């Protein structure tokens, strides 16, 4: 797990708190990207809180609430466990052989913070290589982090895609 930086404190000026949280979010997100690119999915799953959600809203309604639109992905922790088991096993035919990916995460900004955790947004580009095809997924991550001892866990991971359509097969068989 990624060690957390200094906790939000009343005796530290807000600008310094924001800077420390931003560095903490950057470190976490870079580590998360490396785990996913290296297909270390069990380690990635360990970064999720017990009540975590992983969501990808519809391309045409990126701001819709989960109950208002049909999400491309709307997994709770139990479904995430199942998704990782399938992807690391032999039952995910769409990922046999598994995709090679490369993620770039940038423009990390902390958008809110309290004593329990904070939220951050960042931009991303994910290149996926499989079967002589290259797909590029571009968008924004919205993470809600909570603290567990000295570590951060993800309470919510929302992936907002800036695409007009999913080329051409319309599937996301790997973790963005």
N, C-alpha and C. Protein backbone atom coordinates (compact mmCIF):
# COMPACT_ATOMS: atom_id res chain seq x y z
N UNK A 1 0.83 -1.18 0.00
CA UNK A 1 0.00 0.00 0.00
C UNK A 1 0.87 1.25 0.00
N UNK A 2 0.28 2.36 -0.37
CA UNK A 2 1.00 3.61 -0.44
C UNK A 2 0.89 4.31 0.91
N UNK A 3 2.01 4.73 1.45
CA UNK A 3 2.00 5.46 2.71
C UNK A 3 1.37 6.83 2.51
N UNK A 4 0.61 7.30 3.50
CA UNK A 4 -0.05 8.59 3.39
C UNK A 4 0.87 9.70 3.85
N UNK A 5 0.66 10.87 3.30
CA UNK A 5 1.39 12.06 3.74
C UNK A 5 0.71 12.62 4.98
N UNK A 6 1.14 13.78 5.38
CA UNK A 6 0.61 14.39 6.59
C UNK A 6 -0.91 14.52 6.52
N UNK A 7 -1.58 14.15 7.60
CA UNK A 7 -3.04 14.24 7.65
C UNK A 7 -3.49 15.70 7.70
N UNK A 8 -4.75 15.92 7.34
CA UNK A 8 -5.30 17.27 7.42
C UNK A 8 -5.26 17.70 8.88
N UNK A 9 -4.61 18.84 9.14
CA UNK A 9 -4.47 19.32 10.51
C UNK A 9 -4.92 20.76 10.59
N UNK A 10 -5.44 21.13 11.75
CA UNK A 10 -5.91 22.49 11.96
C UNK A 10 -4.76 23.48 12.10
N UNK A 11 -3.56 23.03 12.51
CA UNK A 11 -2.44 23.94 12.75
C UNK A 11 -1.57 24.15 11.52
N UNK A 12 -1.95 23.56 10.38
CA UNK A 12 -1.20 23.74 9.14
C UNK A 12 -2.02 24.61 8.19
N UNK A 13 -1.42 25.63 7.60
CA UNK A 13 -2.17 26.50 6.69
C UNK A 13 -2.82 25.70 5.56
N UNK A 14 -4.01 26.11 5.12
CA UNK A 14 -4.74 25.37 4.08
C UNK A 14 -3.93 25.14 2.81
N UNK A 15 -3.13 26.09 2.38
CA UNK A 15 -2.34 25.91 1.16
C UNK A 15 -1.34 24.77 1.32
N UNK A 16 -0.73 24.66 2.49
CA UNK A 16 0.22 23.57 2.72
C UNK A 16 -0.50 22.23 2.81
N UNK A 17 -1.70 22.22 3.41
CA UNK A 17 -2.49 21.00 3.47
C UNK A 17 -2.85 20.55 2.06
N UNK A 18 -3.28 21.48 1.23
CA UNK A 18 -3.67 21.16 -0.14
C UNK A 18 -2.48 20.61 -0.93
N UNK A 19 -1.32 21.22 -0.75
CA UNK A 19 -0.12 20.76 -1.43
C UNK A 19 0.25 19.35 -0.99
N UNK A 20 0.18 19.08 0.32
CA UNK A 20 0.51 17.74 0.84
C UNK A 20 -0.49 16.70 0.32
N UNK A 21 -1.78 17.04 0.31
CA UNK A 21 -2.78 16.10 -0.19
C UNK A 21 -2.62 15.86 -1.69
N UNK A 22 -2.25 16.89 -2.43
CA UNK A 22 -2.04 16.74 -3.87
C UNK A 22 -0.87 15.79 -4.13
N UNK A 23 0.22 15.97 -3.40
CA UNK A 23 1.36 15.05 -3.55
C UNK A 23 0.97 13.62 -3.19
N UNK A 24 0.16 13.49 -2.14
CA UNK A 24 -0.30 12.17 -1.71
C UNK A 24 -1.16 11.52 -2.79
N UNK A 25 -2.07 12.31 -3.37
CA UNK A 25 -2.93 11.79 -4.44
C UNK A 25 -2.10 11.40 -5.66
N UNK A 26 -1.14 12.24 -6.04
CA UNK A 26 -0.27 11.92 -7.17
C UNK A 26 0.46 10.60 -6.95
N UNK A 27 1.05 10.45 -5.79
CA UNK A 27 1.78 9.23 -5.47
C UNK A 27 0.87 8.01 -5.56
N UNK A 28 -0.32 8.12 -5.00
CA UNK A 28 -1.27 7.02 -5.03
C UNK A 28 -1.65 6.68 -6.46
N UNK A 29 -2.01 7.70 -7.25
CA UNK A 29 -2.49 7.47 -8.61
C UNK A 29 -1.40 6.90 -9.51
N UNK A 30 -0.16 7.34 -9.34
CA UNK A 30 0.94 6.78 -10.12
C UNK A 30 1.16 5.31 -9.75
N UNK A 31 1.07 5.01 -8.47
CA UNK A 31 1.21 3.62 -8.00
C UNK A 31 0.07 2.77 -8.56
N UNK A 32 -1.15 3.28 -8.50
CA UNK A 32 -2.31 2.56 -9.02
C UNK A 32 -2.13 2.27 -10.51
N UNK A 33 -1.69 3.27 -11.28
CA UNK A 33 -1.49 3.10 -12.72
C UNK A 33 -0.45 2.01 -12.99
N UNK A 34 0.63 2.01 -12.23
CA UNK A 34 1.67 0.99 -12.41
C UNK A 34 1.12 -0.41 -12.12
N UNK A 35 0.35 -0.55 -11.05
CA UNK A 35 -0.23 -1.85 -10.73
C UNK A 35 -1.12 -2.36 -11.86
N UNK A 36 -1.94 -1.48 -12.41
CA UNK A 36 -2.84 -1.90 -13.49
C UNK A 36 -2.06 -2.22 -14.76
N UNK A 37 -1.07 -1.40 -15.11
CA UNK A 37 -0.27 -1.66 -16.31
C UNK A 37 0.53 -2.95 -16.18
N UNK A 38 0.96 -3.28 -14.98
CA UNK A 38 1.74 -4.49 -14.74
C UNK A 38 0.86 -5.70 -14.46
N UNK A 39 -0.46 -5.51 -14.55
CA UNK A 39 -1.45 -6.58 -14.37
C UNK A 39 -1.35 -7.19 -12.97
N UNK A 40 -1.04 -6.35 -11.99
CA UNK A 40 -0.97 -6.78 -10.58
C UNK A 40 -2.32 -6.45 -9.95
N UNK A 41 -3.35 -7.12 -10.44
CA UNK A 41 -4.73 -6.78 -10.11
C UNK A 41 -5.09 -7.08 -8.66
N UNK A 42 -4.52 -8.12 -8.09
CA UNK A 42 -4.81 -8.41 -6.68
C UNK A 42 -4.27 -7.30 -5.78
N UNK A 43 -3.08 -6.78 -6.11
CA UNK A 43 -2.53 -5.66 -5.34
C UNK A 43 -3.36 -4.40 -5.55
N UNK A 44 -3.84 -4.20 -6.78
CA UNK A 44 -4.71 -3.05 -7.05
C UNK A 44 -6.00 -3.18 -6.24
N UNK A 45 -6.58 -4.37 -6.20
CA UNK A 45 -7.82 -4.60 -5.46
C UNK A 45 -7.63 -4.30 -3.98
N UNK A 46 -6.45 -4.55 -3.44
CA UNK A 46 -6.17 -4.27 -2.03
C UNK A 46 -6.21 -2.77 -1.72
N UNK A 47 -6.17 -1.93 -2.74
CA UNK A 47 -6.26 -0.49 -2.54
C UNK A 47 -7.71 -0.01 -2.39
N UNK A 48 -8.67 -0.91 -2.59
CA UNK A 48 -10.08 -0.55 -2.53
C UNK A 48 -10.64 -0.74 -1.12
N UNK A 49 -11.44 0.20 -0.67
CA UNK A 49 -12.11 0.10 0.62
C UNK A 49 -13.16 -1.00 0.55
N UNK A 50 -13.59 -1.54 1.70
CA UNK A 50 -14.62 -2.58 1.70
C UNK A 50 -15.92 -2.14 1.04
N UNK A 51 -16.22 -0.84 1.08
CA UNK A 51 -17.45 -0.32 0.47
C UNK A 51 -17.17 0.44 -0.83
N UNK A 52 -16.08 0.07 -1.50
CA UNK A 52 -15.65 0.78 -2.72
C UNK A 52 -16.62 0.57 -3.87
N UNK A 53 -16.62 1.57 -4.77
CA UNK A 53 -17.35 1.48 -6.03
C UNK A 53 -16.41 1.91 -7.16
N UNK A 54 -16.52 1.20 -8.28
CA UNK A 54 -15.78 1.51 -9.51
C UNK A 54 -16.85 1.76 -10.57
N UNK A 55 -16.87 2.99 -11.10
CA UNK A 55 -17.96 3.37 -12.01
C UNK A 55 -17.42 4.01 -13.28
N UNK A 56 -18.09 3.67 -14.39
CA UNK A 56 -17.84 4.31 -15.67
C UNK A 56 -19.22 4.73 -16.20
N UNK A 57 -19.52 6.03 -16.15
CA UNK A 57 -20.85 6.48 -16.60
C UNK A 57 -20.98 6.40 -18.12
N UNK A 58 -22.21 6.49 -18.63
CA UNK A 58 -22.40 6.45 -20.08
C UNK A 58 -21.69 7.62 -20.75
N UNK A 59 -21.25 7.41 -21.98
CA UNK A 59 -20.50 8.43 -22.69
C UNK A 59 -21.32 9.69 -22.92
N UNK A 60 -22.63 9.54 -23.13
CA UNK A 60 -23.47 10.70 -23.43
C UNK A 60 -24.05 11.37 -22.18
N UNK A 61 -23.90 10.75 -21.02
CA UNK A 61 -24.41 11.32 -19.77
C UNK A 61 -23.37 11.17 -18.65
N UNK A 62 -22.21 11.82 -18.80
CA UNK A 62 -21.13 11.60 -17.83
C UNK A 62 -21.43 12.09 -16.42
N UNK A 63 -22.39 13.00 -16.27
CA UNK A 63 -22.71 13.54 -14.94
C UNK A 63 -23.94 12.90 -14.32
N UNK A 64 -24.52 11.91 -14.98
CA UNK A 64 -25.71 11.25 -14.45
C UNK A 64 -25.36 10.44 -13.21
N UNK A 65 -26.28 10.43 -12.27
CA UNK A 65 -26.12 9.60 -11.07
C UNK A 65 -26.33 8.14 -11.46
N UNK A 66 -25.76 7.20 -10.70
CA UNK A 66 -25.89 5.78 -11.06
C UNK A 66 -27.33 5.31 -11.25
N UNK A 67 -28.28 5.81 -10.51
CA UNK A 67 -29.67 5.38 -10.65
C UNK A 67 -30.41 6.06 -11.79
N UNK A 68 -29.80 7.06 -12.41
CA UNK A 68 -30.46 7.84 -13.46
C UNK A 68 -30.12 7.37 -14.87
N UNK A 69 -29.08 6.59 -15.04
CA UNK A 69 -28.65 6.16 -16.36
C UNK A 69 -27.97 4.80 -16.25
N UNK A 70 -27.90 4.11 -17.38
CA UNK A 70 -27.25 2.81 -17.42
C UNK A 70 -25.74 3.01 -17.57
N UNK A 71 -25.01 2.74 -16.51
CA UNK A 71 -23.56 2.91 -16.51
C UNK A 71 -22.90 1.78 -17.30
N UNK A 72 -21.78 2.09 -17.94
CA UNK A 72 -20.99 1.05 -18.61
C UNK A 72 -20.46 0.07 -17.58
N UNK A 73 -20.00 0.59 -16.44
CA UNK A 73 -19.54 -0.24 -15.31
C UNK A 73 -20.04 0.42 -14.04
N UNK A 74 -20.61 -0.37 -13.15
CA UNK A 74 -21.05 0.11 -11.84
C UNK A 74 -20.83 -1.03 -10.85
N UNK A 75 -19.57 -1.23 -10.45
CA UNK A 75 -19.19 -2.36 -9.60
C UNK A 75 -19.03 -1.93 -8.15
N UNK A 76 -19.59 -2.71 -7.24
CA UNK A 76 -19.27 -2.55 -5.83
C UNK A 76 -18.06 -3.44 -5.53
N UNK A 77 -17.66 -3.51 -4.28
CA UNK A 77 -16.46 -4.27 -3.94
C UNK A 77 -16.60 -5.75 -4.29
N UNK A 78 -17.77 -6.32 -4.06
CA UNK A 78 -17.99 -7.74 -4.36
C UNK A 78 -17.83 -7.99 -5.86
N UNK A 79 -18.37 -7.11 -6.69
CA UNK A 79 -18.24 -7.29 -8.14
C UNK A 79 -16.80 -7.04 -8.59
N UNK A 80 -16.11 -6.12 -7.92
CA UNK A 80 -14.70 -5.90 -8.23
C UNK A 80 -13.88 -7.16 -7.94
N UNK A 81 -14.16 -7.79 -6.80
CA UNK A 81 -13.49 -9.06 -6.47
C UNK A 81 -13.71 -10.08 -7.59
N UNK A 82 -14.95 -10.20 -8.05
CA UNK A 82 -15.29 -11.14 -9.11
C UNK A 82 -14.61 -10.76 -10.42
N UNK A 83 -14.59 -9.47 -10.75
CA UNK A 83 -13.95 -9.00 -11.99
C UNK A 83 -12.46 -9.36 -11.98
N UNK A 84 -11.79 -9.12 -10.86
CA UNK A 84 -10.36 -9.42 -10.77
C UNK A 84 -10.12 -10.92 -10.86
N UNK A 85 -10.95 -11.73 -10.21
CA UNK A 85 -10.81 -13.19 -10.29
C UNK A 85 -10.95 -13.66 -11.74
N UNK A 86 -11.93 -13.10 -12.46
CA UNK A 86 -12.13 -13.48 -13.86
C UNK A 86 -10.94 -13.07 -14.71
N UNK A 87 -10.47 -11.83 -14.52
CA UNK A 87 -9.37 -11.32 -15.34
C UNK A 87 -8.05 -12.05 -15.07
N UNK A 88 -7.85 -12.50 -13.85
CA UNK A 88 -6.61 -13.20 -13.53
C UNK A 88 -6.73 -14.70 -13.73
N UNK A 89 -7.95 -15.18 -13.97
CA UNK A 89 -8.17 -16.60 -14.23
C UNK A 89 -8.16 -16.88 -15.72
N UNK A 90 -8.82 -17.93 -16.10
CA UNK A 90 -8.85 -18.34 -17.51
C UNK A 90 -10.24 -18.19 -18.12
N UNK A 91 -11.16 -17.50 -17.43
CA UNK A 91 -12.53 -17.41 -17.92
C UNK A 91 -12.84 -16.11 -18.66
N UNK A 92 -11.92 -15.17 -18.68
CA UNK A 92 -12.16 -13.90 -19.38
C UNK A 92 -11.63 -14.01 -20.81
N UNK A 93 -12.43 -14.58 -21.70
CA UNK A 93 -11.98 -14.84 -23.06
C UNK A 93 -11.56 -13.55 -23.78
N UNK A 94 -12.20 -12.43 -23.46
CA UNK A 94 -11.86 -11.16 -24.12
C UNK A 94 -10.47 -10.67 -23.72
N UNK A 95 -9.93 -11.21 -22.65
CA UNK A 95 -8.59 -10.83 -22.20
C UNK A 95 -7.62 -12.01 -22.26
N UNK A 96 -7.83 -12.89 -23.24
CA UNK A 96 -6.90 -13.99 -23.47
C UNK A 96 -6.41 -13.90 -24.90
N UNK A 97 -5.18 -13.52 -25.17
CA UNK A 97 -4.21 -13.08 -24.17
C UNK A 97 -4.59 -11.70 -23.62
N UNK A 98 -4.07 -11.40 -22.46
CA UNK A 98 -4.44 -10.16 -21.80
C UNK A 98 -3.93 -8.96 -22.59
N UNK A 99 -4.65 -7.86 -22.45
CA UNK A 99 -4.25 -6.62 -23.09
C UNK A 99 -2.98 -6.09 -22.44
N UNK A 100 -2.16 -5.44 -23.24
CA UNK A 100 -1.05 -4.66 -22.69
C UNK A 100 -1.55 -3.23 -22.64
N UNK A 101 -1.28 -2.55 -21.55
CA UNK A 101 -1.76 -1.18 -21.38
C UNK A 101 -0.63 -0.28 -20.91
N UNK A 102 -0.80 0.99 -21.18
CA UNK A 102 0.10 2.02 -20.66
C UNK A 102 -0.76 3.22 -20.29
N UNK A 103 -0.63 3.65 -19.04
CA UNK A 103 -1.42 4.75 -18.52
C UNK A 103 -0.56 5.97 -18.26
N UNK A 104 -1.10 7.11 -18.61
CA UNK A 104 -0.52 8.39 -18.22
C UNK A 104 -1.55 9.11 -17.38
N UNK A 105 -1.15 9.54 -16.20
CA UNK A 105 -2.03 10.26 -15.29
C UNK A 105 -1.43 11.65 -15.07
N UNK A 106 -2.25 12.68 -15.20
CA UNK A 106 -1.74 14.05 -15.12
C UNK A 106 -2.80 14.98 -14.54
N UNK A 107 -2.42 16.21 -14.30
CA UNK A 107 -3.32 17.27 -13.82
C UNK A 107 -4.10 16.84 -12.58
N UNK A 108 -3.40 16.31 -11.60
CA UNK A 108 -4.03 15.85 -10.37
C UNK A 108 -4.39 17.06 -9.52
N UNK A 109 -5.66 17.12 -9.11
CA UNK A 109 -6.14 18.23 -8.29
C UNK A 109 -7.00 17.69 -7.15
N UNK A 110 -6.73 18.13 -5.94
CA UNK A 110 -7.59 17.80 -4.81
C UNK A 110 -8.77 18.75 -4.85
N UNK A 111 -9.97 18.20 -4.80
CA UNK A 111 -11.17 19.02 -4.94
C UNK A 111 -11.93 19.23 -3.64
N UNK A 112 -11.69 18.38 -2.65
CA UNK A 112 -12.33 18.53 -1.33
C UNK A 112 -11.57 17.68 -0.33
N UNK A 113 -11.64 18.08 0.94
CA UNK A 113 -10.96 17.30 2.00
C UNK A 113 -11.69 17.49 3.31
N UNK A 114 -11.66 16.44 4.13
CA UNK A 114 -12.13 16.52 5.51
C UNK A 114 -11.30 15.56 6.35
N UNK A 115 -11.67 15.37 7.60
CA UNK A 115 -10.87 14.55 8.50
C UNK A 115 -10.83 13.08 8.08
N UNK A 116 -11.84 12.61 7.33
CA UNK A 116 -11.91 11.20 6.94
C UNK A 116 -11.18 10.89 5.65
N UNK A 117 -10.98 11.90 4.81
CA UNK A 117 -10.34 11.64 3.53
C UNK A 117 -10.47 12.84 2.60
N UNK A 118 -10.37 12.58 1.30
CA UNK A 118 -10.47 13.67 0.34
C UNK A 118 -10.84 13.14 -1.03
N UNK A 119 -11.21 14.05 -1.93
CA UNK A 119 -11.49 13.71 -3.31
C UNK A 119 -10.47 14.38 -4.21
N UNK A 120 -10.17 13.72 -5.32
CA UNK A 120 -9.21 14.27 -6.27
C UNK A 120 -9.68 13.93 -7.68
N UNK A 121 -9.39 14.82 -8.60
CA UNK A 121 -9.64 14.52 -10.01
C UNK A 121 -8.31 14.56 -10.74
N UNK A 122 -8.24 13.83 -11.82
CA UNK A 122 -7.03 13.80 -12.65
C UNK A 122 -7.42 13.44 -14.07
N UNK A 123 -6.57 13.79 -14.99
CA UNK A 123 -6.77 13.42 -16.38
C UNK A 123 -5.95 12.18 -16.68
N UNK A 124 -6.41 11.40 -17.65
CA UNK A 124 -5.68 10.19 -18.00
C UNK A 124 -5.77 9.90 -19.49
N UNK A 125 -4.82 9.11 -19.94
CA UNK A 125 -4.87 8.47 -21.24
C UNK A 125 -4.39 7.04 -21.03
N UNK A 126 -5.17 6.10 -21.53
CA UNK A 126 -4.83 4.69 -21.42
C UNK A 126 -4.73 4.12 -22.84
N UNK A 127 -3.55 3.62 -23.18
CA UNK A 127 -3.35 2.93 -24.44
C UNK A 127 -3.51 1.45 -24.18
N UNK A 128 -4.32 0.80 -25.02
CA UNK A 128 -4.55 -0.64 -24.90
C UNK A 128 -4.11 -1.30 -26.20
N UNK A 129 -3.28 -2.32 -26.08
CA UNK A 129 -2.76 -3.06 -27.23
C UNK A 129 -3.20 -4.51 -27.12
N UNK A 130 -3.90 -4.97 -28.15
CA UNK A 130 -4.33 -6.36 -28.17
C UNK A 130 -4.73 -6.74 -29.60
N UNK A 131 -4.32 -7.91 -30.04
CA UNK A 131 -4.68 -8.45 -31.36
C UNK A 131 -4.39 -7.45 -32.49
N UNK A 132 -3.21 -6.87 -32.49
CA UNK A 132 -2.79 -5.92 -33.52
C UNK A 132 -3.65 -4.65 -33.57
N UNK A 133 -4.41 -4.39 -32.53
CA UNK A 133 -5.21 -3.16 -32.43
C UNK A 133 -4.67 -2.29 -31.32
N UNK A 134 -4.78 -1.00 -31.52
CA UNK A 134 -4.44 -0.03 -30.49
C UNK A 134 -5.65 0.84 -30.24
N UNK A 135 -6.11 0.86 -29.01
CA UNK A 135 -7.21 1.72 -28.61
C UNK A 135 -6.69 2.72 -27.60
N UNK A 136 -7.19 3.94 -27.67
CA UNK A 136 -6.81 4.97 -26.72
C UNK A 136 -8.07 5.43 -25.99
N UNK A 137 -8.02 5.38 -24.69
CA UNK A 137 -9.10 5.84 -23.84
C UNK A 137 -8.61 7.08 -23.11
N UNK A 138 -9.32 8.19 -23.27
CA UNK A 138 -8.92 9.46 -22.68
C UNK A 138 -10.07 9.94 -21.81
N UNK A 139 -9.74 10.54 -20.68
CA UNK A 139 -10.81 11.05 -19.83
C UNK A 139 -10.30 11.59 -18.52
N UNK A 140 -11.18 11.49 -17.53
CA UNK A 140 -10.93 12.05 -16.20
C UNK A 140 -11.26 11.01 -15.14
N UNK A 141 -10.36 10.87 -14.19
CA UNK A 141 -10.63 10.06 -13.00
C UNK A 141 -11.16 10.97 -11.91
N UNK A 142 -12.12 10.48 -11.15
CA UNK A 142 -12.59 11.15 -9.94
C UNK A 142 -12.50 10.12 -8.82
N UNK A 143 -11.55 10.31 -7.92
CA UNK A 143 -11.33 9.39 -6.81
C UNK A 143 -11.81 10.00 -5.51
N UNK A 144 -12.45 9.20 -4.70
CA UNK A 144 -12.73 9.56 -3.31
C UNK A 144 -11.89 8.63 -2.45
N UNK A 145 -11.00 9.23 -1.66
CA UNK A 145 -10.08 8.47 -0.81
C UNK A 145 -10.53 8.55 0.64
N UNK A 146 -10.35 7.45 1.37
CA UNK A 146 -10.56 7.40 2.81
C UNK A 146 -9.28 6.87 3.44
N UNK A 147 -9.12 7.16 4.70
CA UNK A 147 -7.91 6.71 5.40
C UNK A 147 -8.21 5.43 6.18
N UNK A 148 -7.22 4.56 6.14
CA UNK A 148 -7.25 3.33 6.93
C UNK A 148 -5.89 3.24 7.59
N UNK A 149 -5.82 3.69 8.82
CA UNK A 149 -4.53 3.77 9.50
C UNK A 149 -3.65 4.77 8.79
N UNK A 150 -2.48 4.33 8.37
CA UNK A 150 -1.54 5.21 7.66
C UNK A 150 -1.66 5.10 6.14
N UNK A 151 -2.69 4.41 5.66
CA UNK A 151 -2.84 4.16 4.23
C UNK A 151 -4.09 4.83 3.68
N UNK A 152 -4.08 5.06 2.39
CA UNK A 152 -5.27 5.52 1.68
C UNK A 152 -5.94 4.32 1.04
N UNK A 153 -7.27 4.36 1.01
CA UNK A 153 -8.06 3.39 0.27
C UNK A 153 -9.02 4.15 -0.63
N UNK A 154 -9.42 3.54 -1.72
CA UNK A 154 -10.36 4.16 -2.64
C UNK A 154 -11.78 3.79 -2.23
N UNK A 155 -12.57 4.81 -1.96
CA UNK A 155 -13.99 4.59 -1.66
C UNK A 155 -14.80 4.63 -2.96
N UNK A 156 -14.41 5.52 -3.87
CA UNK A 156 -15.06 5.56 -5.18
C UNK A 156 -14.04 5.92 -6.24
N UNK A 157 -14.12 5.22 -7.37
CA UNK A 157 -13.26 5.46 -8.53
C UNK A 157 -14.18 5.61 -9.72
N UNK A 158 -14.37 6.85 -10.15
CA UNK A 158 -15.24 7.14 -11.29
C UNK A 158 -14.36 7.49 -12.48
N UNK A 159 -14.64 6.84 -13.61
CA UNK A 159 -13.87 7.04 -14.84
C UNK A 159 -14.80 7.68 -15.86
N UNK A 160 -14.56 8.95 -16.15
CA UNK A 160 -15.38 9.69 -17.12
C UNK A 160 -14.61 9.72 -18.44
N UNK A 161 -15.13 9.01 -19.43
CA UNK A 161 -14.46 8.92 -20.72
C UNK A 161 -14.83 10.10 -21.61
N UNK A 162 -13.85 10.65 -22.31
CA UNK A 162 -14.07 11.75 -23.24
C UNK A 162 -14.21 11.24 -24.67
N UNK A 163 -14.82 10.09 -24.83
CA UNK A 163 -14.98 9.47 -26.14
C UNK A 163 -16.41 9.67 -26.64
N UNK A 164 -16.56 9.67 -27.95
CA UNK A 164 -17.90 9.73 -28.54
C UNK A 164 -18.50 8.33 -28.69
N UNK A 165 -17.63 7.32 -28.81
CA UNK A 165 -18.08 5.94 -28.96
C UNK A 165 -16.93 5.01 -28.56
N UNK A 166 -17.30 3.79 -28.19
CA UNK A 166 -16.29 2.76 -27.93
C UNK A 166 -16.05 2.03 -29.24
N UNK A 167 -14.85 2.12 -29.75
CA UNK A 167 -14.49 1.59 -31.05
C UNK A 167 -14.37 0.09 -31.02
N UNK A 168 -14.51 -0.57 -32.12
CA UNK A 168 -15.79 -0.79 -32.75
C UNK A 168 -16.57 -1.86 -32.01
N UNK A 169 -15.90 -2.58 -31.11
CA UNK A 169 -16.58 -3.69 -30.43
C UNK A 169 -17.42 -3.24 -29.24
N UNK A 170 -17.21 -1.99 -28.79
CA UNK A 170 -18.02 -1.47 -27.70
C UNK A 170 -17.81 -2.16 -26.38
N UNK A 171 -16.59 -2.57 -26.07
CA UNK A 171 -16.36 -3.30 -24.82
C UNK A 171 -15.19 -2.69 -24.06
N UNK A 172 -15.29 -2.83 -22.77
CA UNK A 172 -14.18 -2.48 -21.88
C UNK A 172 -13.96 -3.73 -21.03
N UNK A 173 -13.07 -4.60 -21.48
CA UNK A 173 -12.89 -5.88 -20.80
C UNK A 173 -11.75 -5.84 -19.80
N UNK A 174 -11.11 -4.68 -19.64
CA UNK A 174 -10.01 -4.53 -18.69
C UNK A 174 -10.37 -3.38 -17.76
N UNK A 175 -9.54 -3.14 -16.77
CA UNK A 175 -9.81 -2.06 -15.81
C UNK A 175 -9.17 -0.79 -16.31
N UNK A 176 -9.96 0.24 -16.50
CA UNK A 176 -9.44 1.52 -17.00
C UNK A 176 -8.58 2.21 -15.98
